[in-house]
Amino acid sequence: MNQMAELYHNPRCSKSRQAMKILNDSGIDFSTVEYLKTDVETATIMDLLSRYSGEIRDFVRIGEDSFKQTGYSLDDLNSAETISQLIADIPKILQRPIFDDGIEVFIGRPPENIYNSKLL
């Protein structure tokens, strides 16, 4: 593995806190990215999207008011470039939590999804 595992985390989110507990209890080394406090560059988001095996539109919280105000619809979320730029511009719409094990990326909804990582 080339990089340390990372949890894209919002401490105010119960699912994100549950994912953090799973990771802490597992004993693996990981870092926490509080994406609402730090900028996440489009290149980073593009990398995460490229290693996610599900629908890339799953990365966007479409029910979030901030997303609704963009004027985009679910049908508009068909390219990694569009999604990564939207998330970089409006970090609040990033689905959470996101676990990057350095090889694969998992959306922790439900938090137990991160057990699919080979690290756990």
PDB file of N, CA and C in Angstrom:
ATOM      1  N   MET A   1       0.848  -1.181   0.000  1.00  0.00           N
ATOM      2  CA  MET A   1       0.000   0.000   0.000  1.00  0.00           C
ATOM      3  C   MET A   1       0.885   1.232   0.000  1.00  0.00           C
ATOM      4  N   ASN A   2       0.610   2.165  -0.884  1.00  0.00           N
ATOM      5  CA  ASN A   2       1.448   3.348  -1.045  1.00  0.00           C
ATOM      6  C   ASN A   2       1.144   4.450  -0.063  1.00  0.00           C
ATOM      7  N   GLN A   3      -0.054   4.510   0.436  1.00  0.00           N
ATOM      8  CA  GLN A   3      -0.423   5.610   1.310  1.00  0.00           C
ATOM      9  C   GLN A   3      -1.159   5.077   2.528  1.00  0.00           C
ATOM     10  N   MET A   4      -1.190   5.909   3.533  1.00  0.00           N
ATOM     11  CA  MET A   4      -1.920   5.544   4.742  1.00  0.00           C
ATOM     12  C   MET A   4      -3.422   5.612   4.466  1.00  0.00           C
ATOM     13  N   ALA A   5      -4.157   4.750   5.109  1.00  0.00           N
ATOM     14  CA  ALA A   5      -5.606   4.766   4.993  1.00  0.00           C
ATOM     15  C   ALA A   5      -6.143   6.080   5.555  1.00  0.00           C
ATOM     16  N   GLU A   6      -7.247   6.553   4.963  1.00  0.00           N
ATOM     17  CA  GLU A   6      -7.836   7.826   5.383  1.00  0.00           C
ATOM     18  C   GLU A   6      -9.345   7.681   5.525  1.00  0.00           C
ATOM     19  N   LEU A   7      -9.864   8.352   6.525  1.00  0.00           N
ATOM     20  CA  LEU A   7     -11.310   8.443   6.712  1.00  0.00           C
ATOM     21  C   LEU A   7     -11.715   9.892   6.494  1.00  0.00           C
ATOM     22  N   TYR A   8     -12.538  10.132   5.481  1.00  0.00           N
ATOM     23  CA  TYR A   8     -13.095  11.465   5.246  1.00  0.00           C
ATOM     24  C   TYR A   8     -14.293  11.566   6.179  1.00  0.00           C
ATOM     25  N   HIS A   9     -14.160  12.440   7.161  1.00  0.00           N
ATOM     26  CA  HIS A   9     -14.978  12.395   8.361  1.00  0.00           C
ATOM     27  C   HIS A   9     -15.627  13.736   8.670  1.00  0.00           C
ATOM     28  N   ASN A  10     -16.874  13.657   9.128  1.00  0.00           N
ATOM     29  CA  ASN A  10     -17.582  14.809   9.674  1.00  0.00           C
ATOM     30  C   ASN A  10     -17.968  14.425  11.097  1.00  0.00           C
ATOM     31  N   PRO A  11     -17.329  15.027  12.109  1.00  0.00           N
ATOM     32  CA  PRO A  11     -17.589  14.631  13.493  1.00  0.00           C
ATOM     33  C   PRO A  11     -19.044  14.818  13.935  1.00  0.00           C
ATOM     34  N   ARG A  12     -19.799  15.630  13.218  1.00  0.00           N
ATOM     35  CA  ARG A  12     -21.207  15.854  13.583  1.00  0.00           C
ATOM     36  C   ARG A  12     -22.130  14.761  13.051  1.00  0.00           C
ATOM     37  N   CYS A  13     -21.602  13.880  12.203  1.00  0.00           N
ATOM     38  CA  CYS A  13     -22.400  12.827  11.566  1.00  0.00           C
ATOM     39  C   CYS A  13     -22.279  11.529  12.359  1.00  0.00           C
ATOM     40  N   SER A  14     -23.406  10.959  12.752  1.00  0.00           N
ATOM     41  CA  SER A  14     -23.382   9.721  13.546  1.00  0.00           C
ATOM     42  C   SER A  14     -22.788   8.560  12.752  1.00  0.00           C
ATOM     43  N   LYS A  15     -23.070   8.464  11.459  1.00  0.00           N
ATOM     44  CA  LYS A  15     -22.508   7.384  10.628  1.00  0.00           C
ATOM     45  C   LYS A  15     -20.998   7.519  10.543  1.00  0.00           C
ATOM     46  N   SER A  16     -20.534   8.729  10.453  1.00  0.00           N
ATOM     47  CA  SER A  16     -19.098   8.979  10.389  1.00  0.00           C
ATOM     48  C   SER A  16     -18.434   8.607  11.718  1.00  0.00           C
ATOM     49  N   ARG A  17     -19.068   8.943  12.807  1.00  0.00           N
ATOM     50  CA  ARG A  17     -18.530   8.564  14.129  1.00  0.00           C
ATOM     51  C   ARG A  17     -18.516   7.045  14.300  1.00  0.00           C
ATOM     52  N   GLN A  18     -19.550   6.384  13.796  1.00  0.00           N
ATOM     53  CA  GLN A  18     -19.594   4.919  13.873  1.00  0.00           C
ATOM     54  C   GLN A  18     -18.461   4.298  13.051  1.00  0.00           C
ATOM     55  N   ALA A  19     -18.216   4.850  11.866  1.00  0.00           N
ATOM     56  CA  ALA A  19     -17.114   4.346  11.026  1.00  0.00           C
ATOM     57  C   ALA A  19     -15.777   4.550  11.728  1.00  0.00           C
ATOM     58  N   MET A  20     -15.605   5.697  12.375  1.00  0.00           N
ATOM     59  CA  MET A  20     -14.360   5.954  13.097  1.00  0.00           C
ATOM     60  C   MET A  20     -14.184   4.945  14.221  1.00  0.00           C
ATOM     61  N   LYS A  21     -15.252   4.617  14.907  1.00  0.00           N
ATOM     62  CA  LYS A  21     -15.165   3.622  15.986  1.00  0.00           C
ATOM     63  C   LYS A  21     -14.753   2.264  15.425  1.00  0.00           C
ATOM     64  N   ILE A  22     -15.341   1.862  14.312  1.00  0.00           N
ATOM     65  CA  ILE A  22     -14.976   0.586  13.675  1.00  0.00           C
ATOM     66  C   ILE A  22     -13.484   0.571  13.363  1.00  0.00           C
ATOM     67  N   LEU A  23     -12.995   1.646  12.785  1.00  0.00           N
ATOM     68  CA  LEU A  23     -11.579   1.713  12.421  1.00  0.00           C
ATOM     69  C   LEU A  23     -10.689   1.720  13.660  1.00  0.00           C
ATOM     70  N   ASN A  24     -11.055   2.511  14.656  1.00  0.00           N
ATOM     71  CA  ASN A  24     -10.270   2.546  15.898  1.00  0.00           C
ATOM     72  C   ASN A  24     -10.241   1.174  16.561  1.00  0.00           C
ATOM     73  N   ASP A  25     -11.389   0.509  16.607  1.00  0.00           N
ATOM     74  CA  ASP A  25     -11.470  -0.813  17.231  1.00  0.00           C
ATOM     75  C   ASP A  25     -10.676  -1.863  16.452  1.00  0.00           C
ATOM     76  N   SER A  26     -10.503  -1.639  15.141  1.00  0.00           N
ATOM     77  CA  SER A  26      -9.779  -2.607  14.306  1.00  0.00           C
ATOM     78  C   SER A  26      -8.273  -2.559  14.536  1.00  0.00           C
ATOM     79  N   GLY A  27      -7.793  -1.434  15.057  1.00  0.00           N
ATOM     80  CA  GLY A  27      -6.366  -1.292  15.329  1.00  0.00           C
ATOM     81  C   GLY A  27      -5.513  -0.919  14.129  1.00  0.00           C
ATOM     82  N   ILE A  28      -6.133  -0.637  12.973  1.00  0.00           N
ATOM     83  CA  ILE A  28      -5.318  -0.240  11.814  1.00  0.00           C
ATOM     84  C   ILE A  28      -4.932   1.225  11.930  1.00  0.00           C
ATOM     85  N   ASP A  29      -3.841   1.573  11.280  1.00  0.00           N
ATOM     86  CA  ASP A  29      -3.422   2.973  11.232  1.00  0.00           C
ATOM     87  C   ASP A  29      -4.198   3.686  10.134  1.00  0.00           C
ATOM     88  N   PHE A  30      -4.747   4.832  10.476  1.00  0.00           N
ATOM     89  CA  PHE A  30      -5.435   5.657   9.483  1.00  0.00           C
ATOM     90  C   PHE A  30      -5.377   7.095   9.941  1.00  0.00           C
ATOM     91  N   SER A  31      -5.520   7.984   8.992  1.00  0.00           N
ATOM     92  CA  SER A  31      -5.608   9.399   9.334  1.00  0.00           C
ATOM     93  C   SER A  31      -7.032   9.868   9.066  1.00  0.00           C
ATOM     94  N   THR A  32      -7.373  10.964   9.697  1.00  0.00           N
ATOM     95  CA  THR A  32      -8.706  11.526   9.556  1.00  0.00           C
ATOM     96  C   THR A  32      -8.619  12.810   8.747  1.00  0.00           C
ATOM     97  N   VAL A  33      -9.487  12.934   7.756  1.00  0.00           N
ATOM     98  CA  VAL A  33      -9.592  14.146   6.961  1.00  0.00           C
ATOM     99  C   VAL A  33     -10.941  14.772   7.286  1.00  0.00           C
ATOM    100  N   GLU A  34     -10.908  15.876   8.008  1.00  0.00           N
ATOM    101  CA  GLU A  34     -12.157  16.599   8.272  1.00  0.00           C
ATOM    102  C   GLU A  34     -12.380  17.544   7.094  1.00  0.00           C
ATOM    103  N   TYR A  35     -13.037  17.010   6.089  1.00  0.00           N
ATOM    104  CA  TYR A  35     -13.163  17.670   4.796  1.00  0.00           C
ATOM    105  C   TYR A  35     -13.929  18.992   4.850  1.00  0.00           C
ATOM    106  N   LEU A  36     -14.695  19.230   5.908  1.00  0.00           N
ATOM    107  CA  LEU A  36     -15.381  20.516   6.022  1.00  0.00           C
ATOM    108  C   LEU A  36     -14.451  21.607   6.549  1.00  0.00           C
ATOM    109  N   LYS A  37     -13.324  21.198   7.147  1.00  0.00           N
ATOM    110  CA  LYS A  37     -12.356  22.159   7.681  1.00  0.00           C
ATOM    111  C   LYS A  37     -11.172  22.371   6.741  1.00  0.00           C
ATOM    112  N   THR A  38     -10.898  21.383   5.901  1.00  0.00           N
ATOM    113  CA  THR A  38      -9.758  21.479   4.982  1.00  0.00           C
ATOM    114  C   THR A  38     -10.259  21.353   3.553  1.00  0.00           C
ATOM    115  N   ASP A  39      -9.612  22.033   2.665  1.00  0.00           N
ATOM    116  CA  ASP A  39      -9.982  21.918   1.260  1.00  0.00           C
ATOM    117  C   ASP A  39      -9.584  20.544   0.731  1.00  0.00           C
ATOM    118  N   VAL A  40     -10.469  19.941  -0.028  1.00  0.00           N
ATOM    119  CA  VAL A  40     -10.153  18.708  -0.726  1.00  0.00           C
ATOM    120  C   VAL A  40     -10.110  19.069  -2.201  1.00  0.00           C
ATOM    121  N   GLU A  41      -8.957  18.878  -2.804  1.00  0.00           N
ATOM    122  CA  GLU A  41      -8.756  19.284  -4.193  1.00  0.00           C
ATOM    123  C   GLU A  41      -9.492  18.357  -5.149  1.00  0.00           C
ATOM    124  N   THR A  42      -9.820  18.894  -6.301  1.00  0.00           N
ATOM    125  CA  THR A  42     -10.521  18.096  -7.307  1.00  0.00           C
ATOM    126  C   THR A  42      -9.707  16.865  -7.695  1.00  0.00           C
ATOM    127  N   ALA A  43      -8.396  16.977  -7.756  1.00  0.00           N
ATOM    128  CA  ALA A  43      -7.551  15.825  -8.114  1.00  0.00           C
ATOM    129  C   ALA A  43      -7.690  14.708  -7.087  1.00  0.00           C
ATOM    130  N   THR A  44      -7.798  15.063  -5.821  1.00  0.00           N
ATOM    131  CA  THR A  44      -7.984  14.064  -4.766  1.00  0.00           C
ATOM    132  C   THR A  44      -9.336  13.385  -4.915  1.00  0.00           C
ATOM    133  N   ILE A  45     -10.356  14.165  -5.174  1.00  0.00           N
ATOM    134  CA  ILE A  45     -11.697  13.604  -5.346  1.00  0.00           C
ATOM    135  C   ILE A  45     -11.733  12.708  -6.584  1.00  0.00           C
ATOM    136  N   MET A  46     -11.090  13.134  -7.659  1.00  0.00           N
ATOM    137  CA  MET A  46     -11.017  12.321  -8.876  1.00  0.00           C
ATOM    138  C   MET A  46     -10.346  10.976  -8.567  1.00  0.00           C
ATOM    139  N   ASP A  47      -9.288  11.006  -7.766  1.00  0.00           N
ATOM    140  CA  ASP A  47      -8.598   9.776  -7.393  1.00  0.00           C
ATOM    141  C   ASP A  47      -9.525   8.862  -6.595  1.00  0.00           C
ATOM    142  N   LEU A  48     -10.227   9.427  -5.622  1.00  0.00           N
ATOM    143  CA  LEU A  48     -11.170   8.633  -4.831  1.00  0.00           C
ATOM    144  C   LEU A  48     -12.236   8.008  -5.732  1.00  0.00           C
ATOM    145  N   LEU A  49     -12.789   8.803  -6.623  1.00  0.00           N
ATOM    146  CA  LEU A  49     -13.830   8.315  -7.528  1.00  0.00           C
ATOM    147  C   LEU A  49     -13.312   7.183  -8.412  1.00  0.00           C
ATOM    148  N   SER A  50     -12.061   7.289  -8.849  1.00  0.00           N
ATOM    149  CA  SER A  50     -11.498   6.280  -9.753  1.00  0.00           C
ATOM    150  C   SER A  50     -11.309   4.926  -9.071  1.00  0.00           C
ATOM    151  N   ARG A  51     -11.236   4.922  -7.751  1.00  0.00           N
ATOM    152  CA  ARG A  51     -11.022   3.680  -7.014  1.00  0.00           C
ATOM    153  C   ARG A  51     -12.276   3.190  -6.295  1.00  0.00           C
ATOM    154  N   TYR A  52     -13.386   3.843  -6.550  1.00  0.00           N
ATOM    155  CA  TYR A  52     -14.669   3.439  -5.969  1.00  0.00           C
ATOM    156  C   TYR A  52     -15.377   2.506  -6.946  1.00  0.00           C
ATOM    157  N   SER A  53     -15.871   1.371  -6.462  1.00  0.00           N
ATOM    158  CA  SER A  53     -16.460   0.380  -7.367  1.00  0.00           C
ATOM    159  C   SER A  53     -17.957   0.574  -7.608  1.00  0.00           C
ATOM    160  N   GLY A  54     -18.572   1.502  -6.906  1.00  0.00           N
ATOM    161  CA  GLY A  54     -20.010   1.734  -7.082  1.00  0.00           C
ATOM    162  C   GLY A  54     -20.277   2.862  -8.071  1.00  0.00           C
ATOM    163  N   GLU A  55     -21.489   3.344  -8.044  1.00  0.00           N
ATOM    164  CA  GLU A  55     -21.887   4.475  -8.889  1.00  0.00           C
ATOM    165  C   GLU A  55     -21.240   5.742  -8.344  1.00  0.00           C
ATOM    166  N   ILE A  56     -20.509   6.477  -9.169  1.00  0.00           N
ATOM    167  CA  ILE A  56     -19.799   7.660  -8.679  1.00  0.00           C
ATOM    168  C   ILE A  56     -20.755   8.726  -8.153  1.00  0.00           C
ATOM    169  N   ARG A  57     -21.967   8.747  -8.635  1.00  0.00           N
ATOM    170  CA  ARG A  57     -22.940   9.727  -8.137  1.00  0.00           C
ATOM    171  C   ARG A  57     -23.272   9.497  -6.666  1.00  0.00           C
ATOM    172  N   ASP A  58     -22.945   8.293  -6.148  1.00  0.00           N
ATOM    173  CA  ASP A  58     -23.173   7.997  -4.732  1.00  0.00           C
ATOM    174  C   ASP A  58     -22.339   8.895  -3.824  1.00  0.00           C
ATOM    175  N   PHE A  59     -21.301   9.525  -4.369  1.00  0.00           N
ATOM    176  CA  PHE A  59     -20.444  10.416  -3.587  1.00  0.00           C
ATOM    177  C   PHE A  59     -21.141  11.722  -3.227  1.00  0.00           C
ATOM    178  N   VAL A  60     -22.265  12.011  -3.867  1.00  0.00           N
ATOM    179  CA  VAL A  60     -22.947  13.296  -3.673  1.00  0.00           C
ATOM    180  C   VAL A  60     -24.194  13.101  -2.822  1.00  0.00           C
ATOM    181  N   ARG A  61     -24.314  13.949  -1.809  1.00  0.00           N
ATOM    182  CA  ARG A  61     -25.504  13.957  -0.952  1.00  0.00           C
ATOM    183  C   ARG A  61     -26.582  14.781  -1.668  1.00  0.00           C
ATOM    184  N   ILE A  62     -27.372  14.101  -2.481  1.00  0.00           N
ATOM    185  CA  ILE A  62     -28.333  14.815  -3.323  1.00  0.00           C
ATOM    186  C   ILE A  62     -29.490  15.411  -2.522  1.00  0.00           C
ATOM    187  N   GLY A  63     -29.716  14.945  -1.301  1.00  0.00           N
ATOM    188  CA  GLY A  63     -30.780  15.495  -0.466  1.00  0.00           C
ATOM    189  C   GLY A  63     -30.374  16.761   0.268  1.00  0.00           C
ATOM    190  N   GLU A  64     -29.107  17.072   0.214  1.00  0.00           N
ATOM    191  CA  GLU A  64     -28.568  18.254   0.903  1.00  0.00           C
ATOM    192  C   GLU A  64     -29.068  19.525   0.217  1.00  0.00           C
ATOM    193  N   ASP A  65     -29.539  20.496   0.995  1.00  0.00           N
ATOM    194  CA  ASP A  65     -30.012  21.765   0.431  1.00  0.00           C
ATOM    195  C   ASP A  65     -28.949  22.418  -0.449  1.00  0.00           C
ATOM    196  N   SER A  66     -27.692  22.309  -0.031  1.00  0.00           N
ATOM    197  CA  SER A  66     -26.600  22.905  -0.811  1.00  0.00           C
ATOM    198  C   SER A  66     -26.534  22.313  -2.216  1.00  0.00           C
ATOM    199  N   PHE A  67     -26.838  21.020  -2.346  1.00  0.00           N
ATOM    200  CA  PHE A  67     -26.859  20.405  -3.677  1.00  0.00           C
ATOM    201  C   PHE A  67     -28.068  20.890  -4.458  1.00  0.00           C
ATOM    202  N   LYS A  68     -29.213  20.919  -3.822  1.00  0.00           N
ATOM    203  CA  LYS A  68     -30.438  21.347  -4.510  1.00  0.00           C
ATOM    204  C   LYS A  68     -30.296  22.759  -5.072  1.00  0.00           C
ATOM    205  N   GLN A  69     -29.551  23.606  -4.375  1.00  0.00           N
ATOM    206  CA  GLN A  69     -29.374  24.984  -4.821  1.00  0.00           C
ATOM    207  C   GLN A  69     -28.449  25.107  -6.032  1.00  0.00           C
ATOM    208  N   THR A  70     -27.726  24.045  -6.376  1.00  0.00           N
ATOM    209  CA  THR A  70     -26.827  24.109  -7.533  1.00  0.00           C
ATOM    210  C   THR A  70     -27.575  24.087  -8.853  1.00  0.00           C
ATOM    211  N   GLY A  71     -28.798  23.561  -8.840  1.00  0.00           N
ATOM    212  CA  GLY A  71     -29.548  23.428 -10.085  1.00  0.00           C
ATOM    213  C   GLY A  71     -29.245  22.133 -10.818  1.00  0.00           C
ATOM    214  N   TYR A  72     -28.299  21.343 -10.298  1.00  0.00           N
ATOM    215  CA  TYR A  72     -27.993  20.051 -10.897  1.00  0.00           C
ATOM    216  C   TYR A  72     -29.033  19.024 -10.456  1.00  0.00           C
ATOM    217  N   SER A  73     -29.208  18.004 -11.293  1.00  0.00           N
ATOM    218  CA  SER A  73     -30.076  16.883 -10.931  1.00  0.00           C
ATOM    219  C   SER A  73     -29.224  15.624 -10.872  1.00  0.00           C
ATOM    220  N   LEU A  74     -29.814  14.547 -10.426  1.00  0.00           N
ATOM    221  CA  LEU A  74     -29.125  13.270 -10.358  1.00  0.00           C
ATOM    222  C   LEU A  74     -28.584  12.876 -11.734  1.00  0.00           C
ATOM    223  N   ASP A  75     -29.341  13.172 -12.782  1.00  0.00           N
ATOM    224  CA  ASP A  75     -28.913  12.835 -14.148  1.00  0.00           C
ATOM    225  C   ASP A  75     -27.665  13.590 -14.577  1.00  0.00           C
ATOM    226  N   ASP A  76     -27.394  14.730 -13.949  1.00  0.00           N
ATOM    227  CA  ASP A  76     -26.211  15.519 -14.294  1.00  0.00           C
ATOM    228  C   ASP A  76     -24.929  14.954 -13.679  1.00  0.00           C
ATOM    229  N   LEU A  77     -25.082  14.010 -12.763  1.00  0.00           N
ATOM    230  CA  LEU A  77     -23.929  13.477 -12.037  1.00  0.00           C
ATOM    231  C   LEU A  77     -23.391  12.225 -12.717  1.00  0.00           C
ATOM    232  N   ASN A  78     -22.993  12.372 -13.972  1.00  0.00           N
ATOM    233  CA  ASN A  78     -22.525  11.221 -14.728  1.00  0.00           C
ATOM    234  C   ASN A  78     -21.050  11.292 -15.099  1.00  0.00           C
ATOM    235  N   SER A  79     -20.352  12.321 -14.645  1.00  0.00           N
ATOM    236  CA  SER A  79     -18.920  12.388 -14.940  1.00  0.00           C
ATOM    237  C   SER A  79     -18.140  12.708 -13.669  1.00  0.00           C
ATOM    238  N   ALA A  80     -16.985  12.088 -13.552  1.00  0.00           N
ATOM    239  CA  ALA A  80     -16.123  12.316 -12.393  1.00  0.00           C
ATOM    240  C   ALA A  80     -15.702  13.777 -12.324  1.00  0.00           C
ATOM    241  N   GLU A  81     -15.509  14.406 -13.463  1.00  0.00           N
ATOM    242  CA  GLU A  81     -15.104  15.815 -13.486  1.00  0.00           C
ATOM    243  C   GLU A  81     -16.173  16.705 -12.869  1.00  0.00           C
ATOM    244  N   THR A  82     -17.418  16.492 -13.247  1.00  0.00           N
ATOM    245  CA  THR A  82     -18.527  17.282 -12.698  1.00  0.00           C
ATOM    246  C   THR A  82     -18.654  17.066 -11.195  1.00  0.00           C
ATOM    247  N   ILE A  83     -18.628  15.817 -10.787  1.00  0.00           N
ATOM    248  CA  ILE A  83     -18.789  15.491  -9.369  1.00  0.00           C
ATOM    249  C   ILE A  83     -17.641  16.055  -8.549  1.00  0.00           C
ATOM    250  N   SER A  84     -16.423  15.872  -9.020  1.00  0.00           N
ATOM    251  CA  SER A  84     -15.272  16.347  -8.243  1.00  0.00           C
ATOM    252  C   SER A  84     -15.269  17.863  -8.119  1.00  0.00           C
ATOM    253  N   GLN A  85     -15.660  18.566  -9.168  1.00  0.00           N
ATOM    254  CA  GLN A  85     -15.709  20.026  -9.091  1.00  0.00           C
ATOM    255  C   GLN A  85     -16.805  20.488  -8.142  1.00  0.00           C
ATOM    256  N   LEU A  86     -17.970  19.842  -8.197  1.00  0.00           N
ATOM    257  CA  LEU A  86     -19.067  20.191  -7.285  1.00  0.00           C
ATOM    258  C   LEU A  86     -18.658  19.990  -5.826  1.00  0.00           C
ATOM    259  N   ILE A  87     -18.023  18.857  -5.538  1.00  0.00           N
ATOM    260  CA  ILE A  87     -17.615  18.570  -4.162  1.00  0.00           C
ATOM    261  C   ILE A  87     -16.520  19.521  -3.711  1.00  0.00           C
ATOM    262  N   ALA A  88     -15.577  19.827  -4.591  1.00  0.00           N
ATOM    263  CA  ALA A  88     -14.513  20.771  -4.236  1.00  0.00           C
ATOM    264  C   ALA A  88     -15.108  22.148  -3.937  1.00  0.00           C
ATOM    265  N   ASP A  89     -16.117  22.541  -4.716  1.00  0.00           N
ATOM    266  CA  ASP A  89     -16.755  23.847  -4.518  1.00  0.00           C
ATOM    267  C   ASP A  89     -17.678  23.863  -3.292  1.00  0.00           C
ATOM    268  N   ILE A  90     -18.339  22.737  -3.034  1.00  0.00           N
ATOM    269  CA  ILE A  90     -19.320  22.658  -1.946  1.00  0.00           C
ATOM    270  C   ILE A  90     -19.041  21.368  -1.154  1.00  0.00           C
ATOM    271  N   PRO A  91     -18.045  21.364  -0.286  1.00  0.00           N
ATOM    272  CA  PRO A  91     -17.668  20.137   0.430  1.00  0.00           C
ATOM    273  C   PRO A  91     -18.802  19.507   1.232  1.00  0.00           C
ATOM    274  N   LYS A  92     -19.769  20.282   1.626  1.00  0.00           N
ATOM    275  CA  LYS A  92     -20.887  19.774   2.430  1.00  0.00           C
ATOM    276  C   LYS A  92     -21.667  18.680   1.699  1.00  0.00           C
ATOM    277  N   ILE A  93     -21.587  18.635   0.373  1.00  0.00           N
ATOM    278  CA  ILE A  93     -22.353  17.647  -0.381  1.00  0.00           C
ATOM    279  C   ILE A  93     -21.621  16.314  -0.537  1.00  0.00           C
ATOM    280  N   LEU A  94     -20.403  16.210  -0.008  1.00  0.00           N
ATOM    281  CA  LEU A  94     -19.688  14.929  -0.056  1.00  0.00           C
ATOM    282  C   LEU A  94     -20.397  13.921   0.843  1.00  0.00           C
ATOM    283  N   GLN A  95     -20.708  12.768   0.283  1.00  0.00           N
ATOM    284  CA  GLN A  95     -21.295  11.703   1.097  1.00  0.00           C
ATOM    285  C   GLN A  95     -20.298  11.323   2.177  1.00  0.00           C
ATOM    286  N   ARG A  96     -20.799  10.938   3.314  1.00  0.00           N
ATOM    287  CA  ARG A  96     -19.910  10.619   4.414  1.00  0.00           C
ATOM    288  C   ARG A  96     -20.429   9.402   5.163  1.00  0.00           C
ATOM    289  N   PRO A  97     -19.498   8.722   5.765  1.00  0.00           N
ATOM    290  CA  PRO A  97     -18.048   8.850   5.678  1.00  0.00           C
ATOM    291  C   PRO A  97     -17.505   8.132   4.440  1.00  0.00           C
ATOM    292  N   ILE A  98     -16.340   8.533   4.027  1.00  0.00           N
ATOM    293  CA  ILE A  98     -15.618   7.877   2.936  1.00  0.00           C
ATOM    294  C   ILE A  98     -14.362   7.265   3.544  1.00  0.00           C
ATOM    295  N   PHE A  99     -14.148   5.980   3.302  1.00  0.00           N
ATOM    296  CA  PHE A  99     -12.936   5.322   3.776  1.00  0.00           C
ATOM    297  C   PHE A  99     -12.084   4.936   2.579  1.00  0.00           C
ATOM    298  N   ASP A 100     -10.860   5.426   2.578  1.00  0.00           N
ATOM    299  CA  ASP A 100      -9.877   5.127   1.537  1.00  0.00           C
ATOM    300  C   ASP A 100      -8.795   4.265   2.168  1.00  0.00           C
ATOM    301  N   ASP A 101      -8.737   2.995   1.786  1.00  0.00           N
ATOM    302  CA  ASP A 101      -7.740   2.107   2.388  1.00  0.00           C
ATOM    303  C   ASP A 101      -6.407   2.132   1.658  1.00  0.00           C
ATOM    304  N   GLY A 102      -6.298   3.023   0.672  1.00  0.00           N
ATOM    305  CA  GLY A 102      -5.073   3.133  -0.107  1.00  0.00           C
ATOM    306  C   GLY A 102      -5.151   2.368  -1.420  1.00  0.00           C
ATOM    307  N   ILE A 103      -6.107   1.449  -1.506  1.00  0.00           N
ATOM    308  CA  ILE A 103      -6.310   0.668  -2.725  1.00  0.00           C
ATOM    309  C   ILE A 103      -7.725   0.894  -3.240  1.00  0.00           C
ATOM    310  N   GLU A 104      -8.692   0.671  -2.350  1.00  0.00           N
ATOM    311  CA  GLU A 104     -10.097   0.841  -2.689  1.00  0.00           C
ATOM    312  C   GLU A 104     -10.726   1.922  -1.816  1.00  0.00           C
ATOM    313  N   VAL A 105     -11.878   2.405  -2.260  1.00  0.00           N
ATOM    314  CA  VAL A 105     -12.603   3.453  -1.544  1.00  0.00           C
ATOM    315  C   VAL A 105     -14.005   2.928  -1.247  1.00  0.00           C
ATOM    316  N   PHE A 106     -14.465   3.191  -0.034  1.00  0.00           N
ATOM    317  CA  PHE A 106     -15.764   2.701   0.424  1.00  0.00           C
ATOM    318  C   PHE A 106     -16.569   3.851   1.017  1.00  0.00           C
ATOM    319  N   ILE A 107     -17.851   3.876   0.717  1.00  0.00           N
ATOM    320  CA  ILE A 107     -18.754   4.821   1.365  1.00  0.00           C
ATOM    321  C   ILE A 107     -19.348   4.093   2.566  1.00  0.00           C
ATOM    322  N   GLY A 108     -19.189   4.668   3.736  1.00  0.00           N
ATOM    323  CA  GLY A 108     -19.635   4.050   4.976  1.00  0.00           C
ATOM    324  C   GLY A 108     -21.091   4.307   5.283  1.00  0.00           C
ATOM    325  N   ARG A 109     -21.965   4.025   4.348  1.00  0.00           N
ATOM    326  CA  ARG A 109     -23.404   4.129   4.551  1.00  0.00           C
ATOM    327  C   ARG A 109     -24.018   2.819   4.121  1.00  0.00           C
ATOM    328  N   PRO A 110     -24.211   1.904   5.010  1.00  0.00           N
ATOM    329  CA  PRO A 110     -23.980   1.995   6.448  1.00  0.00           C
ATOM    330  C   PRO A 110     -22.491   1.870   6.778  1.00  0.00           C
ATOM    331  N   PRO A 111     -22.117   2.266   7.991  1.00  0.00           N
ATOM    332  CA  PRO A 111     -20.704   2.238   8.371  1.00  0.00           C
ATOM    333  C   PRO A 111     -20.060   0.863   8.196  1.00  0.00           C
ATOM    334  N   GLU A 112     -20.847  -0.187   8.311  1.00  0.00           N
ATOM    335  CA  GLU A 112     -20.320  -1.547   8.166  1.00  0.00           C
ATOM    336  C   GLU A 112     -19.758  -1.820   6.770  1.00  0.00           C
ATOM    337  N   ASN A 113     -20.065  -0.973   5.800  1.00  0.00           N
ATOM    338  CA  ASN A 113     -19.503  -1.142   4.455  1.00  0.00           C
ATOM    339  C   ASN A 113     -17.979  -1.129   4.465  1.00  0.00           C
ATOM    340  N   ILE A 114     -17.408  -0.455   5.434  1.00  0.00           N
ATOM    341  CA  ILE A 114     -15.932  -0.372   5.442  1.00  0.00           C
ATOM    342  C   ILE A 114     -15.306  -1.711   5.805  1.00  0.00           C
ATOM    343  N   TYR A 115     -16.075  -2.638   6.340  1.00  0.00           N
ATOM    344  CA  TYR A 115     -15.552  -3.990   6.586  1.00  0.00           C
ATOM    345  C   TYR A 115     -15.182  -4.692   5.271  1.00  0.00           C
ATOM    346  N   ASN A 116     -15.646  -4.156   4.138  1.00  0.00           N
ATOM    347  CA  ASN A 116     -15.273  -4.721   2.843  1.00  0.00           C
ATOM    348  C   ASN A 116     -13.817  -4.454   2.488  1.00  0.00           C
ATOM    349  N   SER A 117     -13.186  -3.550   3.203  1.00  0.00           N
ATOM    350  CA  SER A 117     -11.768  -3.268   2.976  1.00  0.00           C
ATOM    351  C   SER A 117     -10.940  -4.480   3.391  1.00  0.00           C
ATOM    352  N   LYS A 118      -9.940  -4.776   2.607  1.00  0.00           N
ATOM    353  CA  LYS A 118      -9.039  -5.882   2.925  1.00  0.00           C
ATOM    354  C   LYS A 118      -8.186  -5.590   4.162  1.00  0.00           C
ATOM    355  N   LEU A 119      -8.192  -4.337   4.633  1.00  0.00           N
ATOM    356  CA  LEU A 119      -7.437  -3.989   5.830  1.00  0.00           C
ATOM    357  C   LEU A 119      -8.117  -4.454   7.105  1.00  0.00           C
ATOM    358  N   LEU A 120      -9.412  -4.694   7.023  1.00  0.00           N
ATOM    359  CA  LEU A 120     -10.172  -5.065   8.229  1.00  0.00           C
ATOM    360  C   LEU A 120     -10.447  -6.558   8.280  1.00  0.00           C
TER     361      LEU A 120
END
